[in-house]
Amino acid sequence: MFFLRFEELSKSRNLSVNAVASILGLSSGSVTAWKKGTIPCIFTLKKLADYFEVSIEYIFGFSDIPKNTAPKSKEEAAECLLRFIVNRAGSEEERQKLIGFADIFLDKHD
């Protein structure tokens, strides 16, 4: 699955797999090995993921979501929690109670 996804990502940039490898300073021999089923080392996977702006899980085919959607900071996590609460609450009263609870929880757990 790795090589198919790598090939797909390369085509999405209108590049061949060998052109991407060259841009990233990787050998065409590596590309040939990947095509035969070899998996790149973690450093190369990270380099590919960064270049294509996708997660390593996506490159491997473990996920169909290209980007890692996990919060990157405490502030972003708090925003995600509040959006979740606002979207899931049944009534306005329930929504306000849940937001109040989240505010108290987030303030006490710095």
Foldseek 3Di string as FASTA:
>chain_A
DLLVLLQVLQVVVVHGSCVVCVVLVHHVVVNVVVVVPDDDDPVVLVSSCVVSVFDSCVSVVVDVGGHDPDDPDLVSVLVVQLVVLCVPDDDPVSNVVSNVVSVVVSVVPD
